[in-house]
């Protein structure tokens, strides 16, 4: 694991939030 991977996963977390159909 490295810092850049951590940053990428922060980006993925925001995609998850924006794409969650249980979240309006």
PDBML (XML) file of the C-alpha atoms, coordinates in Angstrom:
<?xml version="1.0" encoding="UTF-8" ?>
<PDBx:datablock datablockName="MODEL"
   xmlns:PDBx="http://pdbml.pdb.org/schema/pdbx-v50.xsd"
   xmlns:xsi="http://www.w3.org/2001/XMLSchema-instance"
   xsi:schemaLocation="http://pdbml.pdb.org/schema/pdbx-v50.xsd pdbx-v50.xsd">
   <PDBx:atom_siteCategory>
      <PDBx:atom_site id="1">
         <PDBx:B_iso_or_equiv>0.00</PDBx:B_iso_or_equiv>
         <PDBx:Cartn_x>0.000</PDBx:Cartn_x>
         <PDBx:Cartn_y>0.000</PDBx:Cartn_y>
         <PDBx:Cartn_z>0.000</PDBx:Cartn_z>
         <PDBx:auth_asym_id>A</PDBx:auth_asym_id>
         <PDBx:auth_atom_id>CA</PDBx:auth_atom_id>
         <PDBx:auth_comp_id>UNK</PDBx:auth_comp_id>
         <PDBx:auth_seq_id>1</PDBx:auth_seq_id>
         <PDBx:group_PDB>ATOM</PDBx:group_PDB>
         <PDBx:label_alt_id xsi:nil="true" />
         <PDBx:label_asym_id>A</PDBx:label_asym_id>
         <PDBx:label_atom_id>CA</PDBx:label_atom_id>
         <PDBx:label_comp_id>UNK</PDBx:label_comp_id>
         <PDBx:label_entity_id>1</PDBx:label_entity_id>
         <PDBx:label_seq_id>1</PDBx:label_seq_id>
         <PDBx:occupancy>1.00</PDBx:occupancy>
         <PDBx:pdbx_PDB_model_num>1</PDBx:pdbx_PDB_model_num>
         <PDBx:type_symbol>C</PDBx:type_symbol>
      </PDBx:atom_site>
      <PDBx:atom_site id="2">
         <PDBx:B_iso_or_equiv>0.00</PDBx:B_iso_or_equiv>
         <PDBx:Cartn_x>1.133</PDBx:Cartn_x>
         <PDBx:Cartn_y>3.574</PDBx:Cartn_y>
         <PDBx:Cartn_z>-0.593</PDBx:Cartn_z>
         <PDBx:auth_asym_id>A</PDBx:auth_asym_id>
         <PDBx:auth_atom_id>CA</PDBx:auth_atom_id>
         <PDBx:auth_comp_id>UNK</PDBx:auth_comp_id>
         <PDBx:auth_seq_id>2</PDBx:auth_seq_id>
         <PDBx:group_PDB>ATOM</PDBx:group_PDB>
         <PDBx:label_alt_id xsi:nil="true" />
         <PDBx:label_asym_id>A</PDBx:label_asym_id>
         <PDBx:label_atom_id>CA</PDBx:label_atom_id>
         <PDBx:label_comp_id>UNK</PDBx:label_comp_id>
         <PDBx:label_entity_id>1</PDBx:label_entity_id>
         <PDBx:label_seq_id>2</PDBx:label_seq_id>
         <PDBx:occupancy>1.00</PDBx:occupancy>
         <PDBx:pdbx_PDB_model_num>1</PDBx:pdbx_PDB_model_num>
         <PDBx:type_symbol>C</PDBx:type_symbol>
      </PDBx:atom_site>
      <PDBx:atom_site id="3">
         <PDBx:B_iso_or_equiv>0.00</PDBx:B_iso_or_equiv>
         <PDBx:Cartn_x>-0.061</PDBx:Cartn_x>
         <PDBx:Cartn_y>7.132</PDBx:Cartn_y>
         <PDBx:Cartn_z>-0.143</PDBx:Cartn_z>
         <PDBx:auth_asym_id>A</PDBx:auth_asym_id>
         <PDBx:auth_atom_id>CA</PDBx:auth_atom_id>
         <PDBx:auth_comp_id>UNK</PDBx:auth_comp_id>
         <PDBx:auth_seq_id>3</PDBx:auth_seq_id>
         <PDBx:group_PDB>ATOM</PDBx:group_PDB>
         <PDBx:label_alt_id xsi:nil="true" />
         <PDBx:label_asym_id>A</PDBx:label_asym_id>
         <PDBx:label_atom_id>CA</PDBx:label_atom_id>
         <PDBx:label_comp_id>UNK</PDBx:label_comp_id>
         <PDBx:label_entity_id>1</PDBx:label_entity_id>
         <PDBx:label_seq_id>3</PDBx:label_seq_id>
         <PDBx:occupancy>1.00</PDBx:occupancy>
         <PDBx:pdbx_PDB_model_num>1</PDBx:pdbx_PDB_model_num>
         <PDBx:type_symbol>C</PDBx:type_symbol>
      </PDBx:atom_site>
      <PDBx:atom_site id="4">
         <PDBx:B_iso_or_equiv>0.00</PDBx:B_iso_or_equiv>
         <PDBx:Cartn_x>-1.223</PDBx:Cartn_x>
         <PDBx:Cartn_y>7.497</PDBx:Cartn_y>
         <PDBx:Cartn_z>-3.746</PDBx:Cartn_z>
         <PDBx:auth_asym_id>A</PDBx:auth_asym_id>
         <PDBx:auth_atom_id>CA</PDBx:auth_atom_id>
         <PDBx:auth_comp_id>UNK</PDBx:auth_comp_id>
         <PDBx:auth_seq_id>4</PDBx:auth_seq_id>
         <PDBx:group_PDB>ATOM</PDBx:group_PDB>
         <PDBx:label_alt_id xsi:nil="true" />
         <PDBx:label_asym_id>A</PDBx:label_asym_id>
         <PDBx:label_atom_id>CA</PDBx:label_atom_id>
         <PDBx:label_comp_id>UNK</PDBx:label_comp_id>
         <PDBx:label_entity_id>1</PDBx:label_entity_id>
         <PDBx:label_seq_id>4</PDBx:label_seq_id>
         <PDBx:occupancy>1.00</PDBx:occupancy>
         <PDBx:pdbx_PDB_model_num>1</PDBx:pdbx_PDB_model_num>
         <PDBx:type_symbol>C</PDBx:type_symbol>
      </PDBx:atom_site>
      <PDBx:atom_site id="5">
         <PDBx:B_iso_or_equiv>0.00</PDBx:B_iso_or_equiv>
         <PDBx:Cartn_x>-3.405</PDBx:Cartn_x>
         <PDBx:Cartn_y>4.418</PDBx:Cartn_y>
         <PDBx:Cartn_z>-3.359</PDBx:Cartn_z>
         <PDBx:auth_asym_id>A</PDBx:auth_asym_id>
         <PDBx:auth_atom_id>CA</PDBx:auth_atom_id>
         <PDBx:auth_comp_id>UNK</PDBx:auth_comp_id>
         <PDBx:auth_seq_id>5</PDBx:auth_seq_id>
         <PDBx:group_PDB>ATOM</PDBx:group_PDB>
         <PDBx:label_alt_id xsi:nil="true" />
         <PDBx:label_asym_id>A</PDBx:label_asym_id>
         <PDBx:label_atom_id>CA</PDBx:label_atom_id>
         <PDBx:label_comp_id>UNK</PDBx:label_comp_id>
         <PDBx:label_entity_id>1</PDBx:label_entity_id>
         <PDBx:label_seq_id>5</PDBx:label_seq_id>
         <PDBx:occupancy>1.00</PDBx:occupancy>
         <PDBx:pdbx_PDB_model_num>1</PDBx:pdbx_PDB_model_num>
         <PDBx:type_symbol>C</PDBx:type_symbol>
      </PDBx:atom_site>
      <PDBx:atom_site id="6">
         <PDBx:B_iso_or_equiv>0.00</PDBx:B_iso_or_equiv>
         <PDBx:Cartn_x>-4.924</PDBx:Cartn_x>
         <PDBx:Cartn_y>5.982</PDBx:Cartn_y>
         <PDBx:Cartn_z>-0.239</PDBx:Cartn_z>
         <PDBx:auth_asym_id>A</PDBx:auth_asym_id>
         <PDBx:auth_atom_id>CA</PDBx:auth_atom_id>
         <PDBx:auth_comp_id>UNK</PDBx:auth_comp_id>
         <PDBx:auth_seq_id>6</PDBx:auth_seq_id>
         <PDBx:group_PDB>ATOM</PDBx:group_PDB>
         <PDBx:label_alt_id xsi:nil="true" />
         <PDBx:label_asym_id>A</PDBx:label_asym_id>
         <PDBx:label_atom_id>CA</PDBx:label_atom_id>
         <PDBx:label_comp_id>UNK</PDBx:label_comp_id>
         <PDBx:label_entity_id>1</PDBx:label_entity_id>
         <PDBx:label_seq_id>6</PDBx:label_seq_id>
         <PDBx:occupancy>1.00</PDBx:occupancy>
         <PDBx:pdbx_PDB_model_num>1</PDBx:pdbx_PDB_model_num>
         <PDBx:type_symbol>C</PDBx:type_symbol>
      </PDBx:atom_site>
      <PDBx:atom_site id="7">
         <PDBx:B_iso_or_equiv>0.00</PDBx:B_iso_or_equiv>
         <PDBx:Cartn_x>-5.757</PDBx:Cartn_x>
         <PDBx:Cartn_y>9.108</PDBx:Cartn_y>
         <PDBx:Cartn_z>-2.228</PDBx:Cartn_z>
         <PDBx:auth_asym_id>A</PDBx:auth_asym_id>
         <PDBx:auth_atom_id>CA</PDBx:auth_atom_id>
         <PDBx:auth_comp_id>UNK</PDBx:auth_comp_id>
         <PDBx:auth_seq_id>7</PDBx:auth_seq_id>
         <PDBx:group_PDB>ATOM</PDBx:group_PDB>
         <PDBx:label_alt_id xsi:nil="true" />
         <PDBx:label_asym_id>A</PDBx:label_asym_id>
         <PDBx:label_atom_id>CA</PDBx:label_atom_id>
         <PDBx:label_comp_id>UNK</PDBx:label_comp_id>
         <PDBx:label_entity_id>1</PDBx:label_entity_id>
         <PDBx:label_seq_id>7</PDBx:label_seq_id>
         <PDBx:occupancy>1.00</PDBx:occupancy>
         <PDBx:pdbx_PDB_model_num>1</PDBx:pdbx_PDB_model_num>
         <PDBx:type_symbol>C</PDBx:type_symbol>
      </PDBx:atom_site>
      <PDBx:atom_site id="8">
         <PDBx:B_iso_or_equiv>0.00</PDBx:B_iso_or_equiv>
         <PDBx:Cartn_x>-7.327</PDBx:Cartn_x>
         <PDBx:Cartn_y>7.023</PDBx:Cartn_y>
         <PDBx:Cartn_z>-4.987</PDBx:Cartn_z>
         <PDBx:auth_asym_id>A</PDBx:auth_asym_id>
         <PDBx:auth_atom_id>CA</PDBx:auth_atom_id>
         <PDBx:auth_comp_id>UNK</PDBx:auth_comp_id>
         <PDBx:auth_seq_id>8</PDBx:auth_seq_id>
         <PDBx:group_PDB>ATOM</PDBx:group_PDB>
         <PDBx:label_alt_id xsi:nil="true" />
         <PDBx:label_asym_id>A</PDBx:label_asym_id>
         <PDBx:label_atom_id>CA</PDBx:label_atom_id>
         <PDBx:label_comp_id>UNK</PDBx:label_comp_id>
         <PDBx:label_entity_id>1</PDBx:label_entity_id>
         <PDBx:label_seq_id>8</PDBx:label_seq_id>
         <PDBx:occupancy>1.00</PDBx:occupancy>
         <PDBx:pdbx_PDB_model_num>1</PDBx:pdbx_PDB_model_num>
         <PDBx:type_symbol>C</PDBx:type_symbol>
      </PDBx:atom_site>
      <PDBx:atom_site id="9">
         <PDBx:B_iso_or_equiv>0.00</PDBx:B_iso_or_equiv>
         <PDBx:Cartn_x>-9.507</PDBx:Cartn_x>
         <PDBx:Cartn_y>5.241</PDBx:Cartn_y>
         <PDBx:Cartn_z>-2.432</PDBx:Cartn_z>
         <PDBx:auth_asym_id>A</PDBx:auth_asym_id>
         <PDBx:auth_atom_id>CA</PDBx:auth_atom_id>
         <PDBx:auth_comp_id>UNK</PDBx:auth_comp_id>
         <PDBx:auth_seq_id>9</PDBx:auth_seq_id>
         <PDBx:group_PDB>ATOM</PDBx:group_PDB>
         <PDBx:label_alt_id xsi:nil="true" />
         <PDBx:label_asym_id>A</PDBx:label_asym_id>
         <PDBx:label_atom_id>CA</PDBx:label_atom_id>
         <PDBx:label_comp_id>UNK</PDBx:label_comp_id>
         <PDBx:label_entity_id>1</PDBx:label_entity_id>
         <PDBx:label_seq_id>9</PDBx:label_seq_id>
         <PDBx:occupancy>1.00</PDBx:occupancy>
         <PDBx:pdbx_PDB_model_num>1</PDBx:pdbx_PDB_model_num>
         <PDBx:type_symbol>C</PDBx:type_symbol>
      </PDBx:atom_site>
      <PDBx:atom_site id="10">
         <PDBx:B_iso_or_equiv>0.00</PDBx:B_iso_or_equiv>
         <PDBx:Cartn_x>-10.679</PDBx:Cartn_x>
         <PDBx:Cartn_y>8.631</PDBx:Cartn_y>
         <PDBx:Cartn_z>-1.120</PDBx:Cartn_z>
         <PDBx:auth_asym_id>A</PDBx:auth_asym_id>
         <PDBx:auth_atom_id>CA</PDBx:auth_atom_id>
         <PDBx:auth_comp_id>UNK</PDBx:auth_comp_id>
         <PDBx:auth_seq_id>10</PDBx:auth_seq_id>
         <PDBx:group_PDB>ATOM</PDBx:group_PDB>
         <PDBx:label_alt_id xsi:nil="true" />
         <PDBx:label_asym_id>A</PDBx:label_asym_id>
         <PDBx:label_atom_id>CA</PDBx:label_atom_id>
         <PDBx:label_comp_id>UNK</PDBx:label_comp_id>
         <PDBx:label_entity_id>1</PDBx:label_entity_id>
         <PDBx:label_seq_id>10</PDBx:label_seq_id>
         <PDBx:occupancy>1.00</PDBx:occupancy>
         <PDBx:pdbx_PDB_model_num>1</PDBx:pdbx_PDB_model_num>
         <PDBx:type_symbol>C</PDBx:type_symbol>
      </PDBx:atom_site>
      <PDBx:atom_site id="11">
         <PDBx:B_iso_or_equiv>0.00</PDBx:B_iso_or_equiv>
         <PDBx:Cartn_x>-11.817</PDBx:Cartn_x>
         <PDBx:Cartn_y>9.397</PDBx:Cartn_y>
         <PDBx:Cartn_z>-4.655</PDBx:Cartn_z>
         <PDBx:auth_asym_id>A</PDBx:auth_asym_id>
         <PDBx:auth_atom_id>CA</PDBx:auth_atom_id>
         <PDBx:auth_comp_id>UNK</PDBx:auth_comp_id>
         <PDBx:auth_seq_id>11</PDBx:auth_seq_id>
         <PDBx:group_PDB>ATOM</PDBx:group_PDB>
         <PDBx:label_alt_id xsi:nil="true" />
         <PDBx:label_asym_id>A</PDBx:label_asym_id>
         <PDBx:label_atom_id>CA</PDBx:label_atom_id>
         <PDBx:label_comp_id>UNK</PDBx:label_comp_id>
         <PDBx:label_entity_id>1</PDBx:label_entity_id>
         <PDBx:label_seq_id>11</PDBx:label_seq_id>
         <PDBx:occupancy>1.00</PDBx:occupancy>
         <PDBx:pdbx_PDB_model_num>1</PDBx:pdbx_PDB_model_num>
         <PDBx:type_symbol>C</PDBx:type_symbol>
      </PDBx:atom_site>
      <PDBx:atom_site id="12">
         <PDBx:B_iso_or_equiv>0.00</PDBx:B_iso_or_equiv>
         <PDBx:Cartn_x>-13.566</PDBx:Cartn_x>
         <PDBx:Cartn_y>6.009</PDBx:Cartn_y>
         <PDBx:Cartn_z>-4.893</PDBx:Cartn_z>
         <PDBx:auth_asym_id>A</PDBx:auth_asym_id>
         <PDBx:auth_atom_id>CA</PDBx:auth_atom_id>
         <PDBx:auth_comp_id>UNK</PDBx:auth_comp_id>
         <PDBx:auth_seq_id>12</PDBx:auth_seq_id>
         <PDBx:group_PDB>ATOM</PDBx:group_PDB>
         <PDBx:label_alt_id xsi:nil="true" />
         <PDBx:label_asym_id>A</PDBx:label_asym_id>
         <PDBx:label_atom_id>CA</PDBx:label_atom_id>
         <PDBx:label_comp_id>UNK</PDBx:label_comp_id>
         <PDBx:label_entity_id>1</PDBx:label_entity_id>
         <PDBx:label_seq_id>12</PDBx:label_seq_id>
         <PDBx:occupancy>1.00</PDBx:occupancy>
         <PDBx:pdbx_PDB_model_num>1</PDBx:pdbx_PDB_model_num>
         <PDBx:type_symbol>C</PDBx:type_symbol>
      </PDBx:atom_site>
      <PDBx:atom_site id="13">
         <PDBx:B_iso_or_equiv>0.00</PDBx:B_iso_or_equiv>
         <PDBx:Cartn_x>-15.345</PDBx:Cartn_x>
         <PDBx:Cartn_y>6.686</PDBx:Cartn_y>
         <PDBx:Cartn_z>-1.596</PDBx:Cartn_z>
         <PDBx:auth_asym_id>A</PDBx:auth_asym_id>
         <PDBx:auth_atom_id>CA</PDBx:auth_atom_id>
         <PDBx:auth_comp_id>UNK</PDBx:auth_comp_id>
         <PDBx:auth_seq_id>13</PDBx:auth_seq_id>
         <PDBx:group_PDB>ATOM</PDBx:group_PDB>
         <PDBx:label_alt_id xsi:nil="true" />
         <PDBx:label_asym_id>A</PDBx:label_asym_id>
         <PDBx:label_atom_id>CA</PDBx:label_atom_id>
         <PDBx:label_comp_id>UNK</PDBx:label_comp_id>
         <PDBx:label_entity_id>1</PDBx:label_entity_id>
         <PDBx:label_seq_id>13</PDBx:label_seq_id>
         <PDBx:occupancy>1.00</PDBx:occupancy>
         <PDBx:pdbx_PDB_model_num>1</PDBx:pdbx_PDB_model_num>
         <PDBx:type_symbol>C</PDBx:type_symbol>
      </PDBx:atom_site>
      <PDBx:atom_site id="14">
         <PDBx:B_iso_or_equiv>0.00</PDBx:B_iso_or_equiv>
         <PDBx:Cartn_x>-16.874</PDBx:Cartn_x>
         <PDBx:Cartn_y>9.847</PDBx:Cartn_y>
         <PDBx:Cartn_z>-3.069</PDBx:Cartn_z>
         <PDBx:auth_asym_id>A</PDBx:auth_asym_id>
         <PDBx:auth_atom_id>CA</PDBx:auth_atom_id>
         <PDBx:auth_comp_id>UNK</PDBx:auth_comp_id>
         <PDBx:auth_seq_id>14</PDBx:auth_seq_id>
         <PDBx:group_PDB>ATOM</PDBx:group_PDB>
         <PDBx:label_alt_id xsi:nil="true" />
         <PDBx:label_asym_id>A</PDBx:label_asym_id>
         <PDBx:label_atom_id>CA</PDBx:label_atom_id>
         <PDBx:label_comp_id>UNK</PDBx:label_comp_id>
         <PDBx:label_entity_id>1</PDBx:label_entity_id>
         <PDBx:label_seq_id>14</PDBx:label_seq_id>
         <PDBx:occupancy>1.00</PDBx:occupancy>
         <PDBx:pdbx_PDB_model_num>1</PDBx:pdbx_PDB_model_num>
         <PDBx:type_symbol>C</PDBx:type_symbol>
      </PDBx:atom_site>
      <PDBx:atom_site id="15">
         <PDBx:B_iso_or_equiv>0.00</PDBx:B_iso_or_equiv>
         <PDBx:Cartn_x>-17.953</PDBx:Cartn_x>
         <PDBx:Cartn_y>7.930</PDBx:Cartn_y>
         <PDBx:Cartn_z>-6.186</PDBx:Cartn_z>
         <PDBx:auth_asym_id>A</PDBx:auth_asym_id>
         <PDBx:auth_atom_id>CA</PDBx:auth_atom_id>
         <PDBx:auth_comp_id>UNK</PDBx:auth_comp_id>
         <PDBx:auth_seq_id>15</PDBx:auth_seq_id>
         <PDBx:group_PDB>ATOM</PDBx:group_PDB>
         <PDBx:label_alt_id xsi:nil="true" />
         <PDBx:label_asym_id>A</PDBx:label_asym_id>
         <PDBx:label_atom_id>CA</PDBx:label_atom_id>
         <PDBx:label_comp_id>UNK</PDBx:label_comp_id>
         <PDBx:label_entity_id>1</PDBx:label_entity_id>
         <PDBx:label_seq_id>15</PDBx:label_seq_id>
         <PDBx:occupancy>1.00</PDBx:occupancy>
         <PDBx:pdbx_PDB_model_num>1</PDBx:pdbx_PDB_model_num>
         <PDBx:type_symbol>C</PDBx:type_symbol>
      </PDBx:atom_site>
      <PDBx:atom_site id="16">
         <PDBx:B_iso_or_equiv>0.00</PDBx:B_iso_or_equiv>
         <PDBx:Cartn_x>-19.653</PDBx:Cartn_x>
         <PDBx:Cartn_y>5.417</PDBx:Cartn_y>
         <PDBx:Cartn_z>-3.899</PDBx:Cartn_z>
         <PDBx:auth_asym_id>A</PDBx:auth_asym_id>
         <PDBx:auth_atom_id>CA</PDBx:auth_atom_id>
         <PDBx:auth_comp_id>UNK</PDBx:auth_comp_id>
         <PDBx:auth_seq_id>16</PDBx:auth_seq_id>
         <PDBx:group_PDB>ATOM</PDBx:group_PDB>
         <PDBx:label_alt_id xsi:nil="true" />
         <PDBx:label_asym_id>A</PDBx:label_asym_id>
         <PDBx:label_atom_id>CA</PDBx:label_atom_id>
         <PDBx:label_comp_id>UNK</PDBx:label_comp_id>
         <PDBx:label_entity_id>1</PDBx:label_entity_id>
         <PDBx:label_seq_id>16</PDBx:label_seq_id>
         <PDBx:occupancy>1.00</PDBx:occupancy>
         <PDBx:pdbx_PDB_model_num>1</PDBx:pdbx_PDB_model_num>
         <PDBx:type_symbol>C</PDBx:type_symbol>
      </PDBx:atom_site>
      <PDBx:atom_site id="17">
         <PDBx:B_iso_or_equiv>0.00</PDBx:B_iso_or_equiv>
         <PDBx:Cartn_x>-21.543</PDBx:Cartn_x>
         <PDBx:Cartn_y>8.183</PDBx:Cartn_y>
         <PDBx:Cartn_z>-2.107</PDBx:Cartn_z>
         <PDBx:auth_asym_id>A</PDBx:auth_asym_id>
         <PDBx:auth_atom_id>CA</PDBx:auth_atom_id>
         <PDBx:auth_comp_id>UNK</PDBx:auth_comp_id>
         <PDBx:auth_seq_id>17</PDBx:auth_seq_id>
         <PDBx:group_PDB>ATOM</PDBx:group_PDB>
         <PDBx:label_alt_id xsi:nil="true" />
         <PDBx:label_asym_id>A</PDBx:label_asym_id>
         <PDBx:label_atom_id>CA</PDBx:label_atom_id>
         <PDBx:label_comp_id>UNK</PDBx:label_comp_id>
         <PDBx:label_entity_id>1</PDBx:label_entity_id>
         <PDBx:label_seq_id>17</PDBx:label_seq_id>
         <PDBx:occupancy>1.00</PDBx:occupancy>
         <PDBx:pdbx_PDB_model_num>1</PDBx:pdbx_PDB_model_num>
         <PDBx:type_symbol>C</PDBx:type_symbol>
      </PDBx:atom_site>
      <PDBx:atom_site id="18">
         <PDBx:B_iso_or_equiv>0.00</PDBx:B_iso_or_equiv>
         <PDBx:Cartn_x>-22.640</PDBx:Cartn_x>
         <PDBx:Cartn_y>9.864</PDBx:Cartn_y>
         <PDBx:Cartn_z>-5.338</PDBx:Cartn_z>
         <PDBx:auth_asym_id>A</PDBx:auth_asym_id>
         <PDBx:auth_atom_id>CA</PDBx:auth_atom_id>
         <PDBx:auth_comp_id>UNK</PDBx:auth_comp_id>
         <PDBx:auth_seq_id>18</PDBx:auth_seq_id>
         <PDBx:group_PDB>ATOM</PDBx:group_PDB>
         <PDBx:label_alt_id xsi:nil="true" />
         <PDBx:label_asym_id>A</PDBx:label_asym_id>
         <PDBx:label_atom_id>CA</PDBx:label_atom_id>
         <PDBx:label_comp_id>UNK</PDBx:label_comp_id>
         <PDBx:label_entity_id>1</PDBx:label_entity_id>
         <PDBx:label_seq_id>18</PDBx:label_seq_id>
         <PDBx:occupancy>1.00</PDBx:occupancy>
         <PDBx:pdbx_PDB_model_num>1</PDBx:pdbx_PDB_model_num>
         <PDBx:type_symbol>C</PDBx:type_symbol>
      </PDBx:atom_site>
      <PDBx:atom_site id="19">
         <PDBx:B_iso_or_equiv>0.00</PDBx:B_iso_or_equiv>
         <PDBx:Cartn_x>-23.723</PDBx:Cartn_x>
         <PDBx:Cartn_y>6.557</PDBx:Cartn_y>
         <PDBx:Cartn_z>-6.905</PDBx:Cartn_z>
         <PDBx:auth_asym_id>A</PDBx:auth_asym_id>
         <PDBx:auth_atom_id>CA</PDBx:auth_atom_id>
         <PDBx:auth_comp_id>UNK</PDBx:auth_comp_id>
         <PDBx:auth_seq_id>19</PDBx:auth_seq_id>
         <PDBx:group_PDB>ATOM</PDBx:group_PDB>
         <PDBx:label_alt_id xsi:nil="true" />
         <PDBx:label_asym_id>A</PDBx:label_asym_id>
         <PDBx:label_atom_id>CA</PDBx:label_atom_id>
         <PDBx:label_comp_id>UNK</PDBx:label_comp_id>
         <PDBx:label_entity_id>1</PDBx:label_entity_id>
         <PDBx:label_seq_id>19</PDBx:label_seq_id>
         <PDBx:occupancy>1.00</PDBx:occupancy>
         <PDBx:pdbx_PDB_model_num>1</PDBx:pdbx_PDB_model_num>
         <PDBx:type_symbol>C</PDBx:type_symbol>
      </PDBx:atom_site>
      <PDBx:atom_site id="20">
         <PDBx:B_iso_or_equiv>0.00</PDBx:B_iso_or_equiv>
         <PDBx:Cartn_x>-25.632</PDBx:Cartn_x>
         <PDBx:Cartn_y>5.105</PDBx:Cartn_y>
         <PDBx:Cartn_z>-3.934</PDBx:Cartn_z>
         <PDBx:auth_asym_id>A</PDBx:auth_asym_id>
         <PDBx:auth_atom_id>CA</PDBx:auth_atom_id>
         <PDBx:auth_comp_id>UNK</PDBx:auth_comp_id>
         <PDBx:auth_seq_id>20</PDBx:auth_seq_id>
         <PDBx:group_PDB>ATOM</PDBx:group_PDB>
         <PDBx:label_alt_id xsi:nil="true" />
         <PDBx:label_asym_id>A</PDBx:label_asym_id>
         <PDBx:label_atom_id>CA</PDBx:label_atom_id>
         <PDBx:label_comp_id>UNK</PDBx:label_comp_id>
         <PDBx:label_entity_id>1</PDBx:label_entity_id>
         <PDBx:label_seq_id>20</PDBx:label_seq_id>
         <PDBx:occupancy>1.00</PDBx:occupancy>
         <PDBx:pdbx_PDB_model_num>1</PDBx:pdbx_PDB_model_num>
         <PDBx:type_symbol>C</PDBx:type_symbol>
      </PDBx:atom_site>
      <PDBx:atom_site id="21">
         <PDBx:B_iso_or_equiv>0.00</PDBx:B_iso_or_equiv>
         <PDBx:Cartn_x>-29.301</PDBx:Cartn_x>
         <PDBx:Cartn_y>4.774</PDBx:Cartn_y>
         <PDBx:Cartn_z>-4.923</PDBx:Cartn_z>
         <PDBx:auth_asym_id>A</PDBx:auth_asym_id>
         <PDBx:auth_atom_id>CA</PDBx:auth_atom_id>
         <PDBx:auth_comp_id>UNK</PDBx:auth_comp_id>
         <PDBx:auth_seq_id>21</PDBx:auth_seq_id>
         <PDBx:group_PDB>ATOM</PDBx:group_PDB>
         <PDBx:label_alt_id xsi:nil="true" />
         <PDBx:label_asym_id>A</PDBx:label_asym_id>
         <PDBx:label_atom_id>CA</PDBx:label_atom_id>
         <PDBx:label_comp_id>UNK</PDBx:label_comp_id>
         <PDBx:label_entity_id>1</PDBx:label_entity_id>
         <PDBx:label_seq_id>21</PDBx:label_seq_id>
         <PDBx:occupancy>1.00</PDBx:occupancy>
         <PDBx:pdbx_PDB_model_num>1</PDBx:pdbx_PDB_model_num>
         <PDBx:type_symbol>C</PDBx:type_symbol>
      </PDBx:atom_site>
      <PDBx:atom_site id="22">
         <PDBx:B_iso_or_equiv>0.00</PDBx:B_iso_or_equiv>
         <PDBx:Cartn_x>-30.180</PDBx:Cartn_x>
         <PDBx:Cartn_y>4.603</PDBx:Cartn_y>
         <PDBx:Cartn_z>-1.217</PDBx:Cartn_z>
         <PDBx:auth_asym_id>A</PDBx:auth_asym_id>
         <PDBx:auth_atom_id>CA</PDBx:auth_atom_id>
         <PDBx:auth_comp_id>UNK</PDBx:auth_comp_id>
         <PDBx:auth_seq_id>22</PDBx:auth_seq_id>
         <PDBx:group_PDB>ATOM</PDBx:group_PDB>
         <PDBx:label_alt_id xsi:nil="true" />
         <PDBx:label_asym_id>A</PDBx:label_asym_id>
         <PDBx:label_atom_id>CA</PDBx:label_atom_id>
         <PDBx:label_comp_id>UNK</PDBx:label_comp_id>
         <PDBx:label_entity_id>1</PDBx:label_entity_id>
         <PDBx:label_seq_id>22</PDBx:label_seq_id>
         <PDBx:occupancy>1.00</PDBx:occupancy>
         <PDBx:pdbx_PDB_model_num>1</PDBx:pdbx_PDB_model_num>
         <PDBx:type_symbol>C</PDBx:type_symbol>
      </PDBx:atom_site>
      <PDBx:atom_site id="23">
         <PDBx:B_iso_or_equiv>0.00</PDBx:B_iso_or_equiv>
         <PDBx:Cartn_x>-28.796</PDBx:Cartn_x>
         <PDBx:Cartn_y>8.145</PDBx:Cartn_y>
         <PDBx:Cartn_z>-0.891</PDBx:Cartn_z>
         <PDBx:auth_asym_id>A</PDBx:auth_asym_id>
         <PDBx:auth_atom_id>CA</PDBx:auth_atom_id>
         <PDBx:auth_comp_id>UNK</PDBx:auth_comp_id>
         <PDBx:auth_seq_id>23</PDBx:auth_seq_id>
         <PDBx:group_PDB>ATOM</PDBx:group_PDB>
         <PDBx:label_alt_id xsi:nil="true" />
         <PDBx:label_asym_id>A</PDBx:label_asym_id>
         <PDBx:label_atom_id>CA</PDBx:label_atom_id>
         <PDBx:label_comp_id>UNK</PDBx:label_comp_id>
         <PDBx:label_entity_id>1</PDBx:label_entity_id>
         <PDBx:label_seq_id>23</PDBx:label_seq_id>
         <PDBx:occupancy>1.00</PDBx:occupancy>
         <PDBx:pdbx_PDB_model_num>1</PDBx:pdbx_PDB_model_num>
         <PDBx:type_symbol>C</PDBx:type_symbol>
      </PDBx:atom_site>
      <PDBx:atom_site id="24">
         <PDBx:B_iso_or_equiv>0.00</PDBx:B_iso_or_equiv>
         <PDBx:Cartn_x>-30.896</PDBx:Cartn_x>
         <PDBx:Cartn_y>10.976</PDBx:Cartn_y>
         <PDBx:Cartn_z>-2.331</PDBx:Cartn_z>
         <PDBx:auth_asym_id>A</PDBx:auth_asym_id>
         <PDBx:auth_atom_id>CA</PDBx:auth_atom_id>
         <PDBx:auth_comp_id>UNK</PDBx:auth_comp_id>
         <PDBx:auth_seq_id>24</PDBx:auth_seq_id>
         <PDBx:group_PDB>ATOM</PDBx:group_PDB>
         <PDBx:label_alt_id xsi:nil="true" />
         <PDBx:label_asym_id>A</PDBx:label_asym_id>
         <PDBx:label_atom_id>CA</PDBx:label_atom_id>
         <PDBx:label_comp_id>UNK</PDBx:label_comp_id>
         <PDBx:label_entity_id>1</PDBx:label_entity_id>
         <PDBx:label_seq_id>24</PDBx:label_seq_id>
         <PDBx:occupancy>1.00</PDBx:occupancy>
         <PDBx:pdbx_PDB_model_num>1</PDBx:pdbx_PDB_model_num>
         <PDBx:type_symbol>C</PDBx:type_symbol>
      </PDBx:atom_site>
   </PDBx:atom_siteCategory>
</PDBx:datablock>
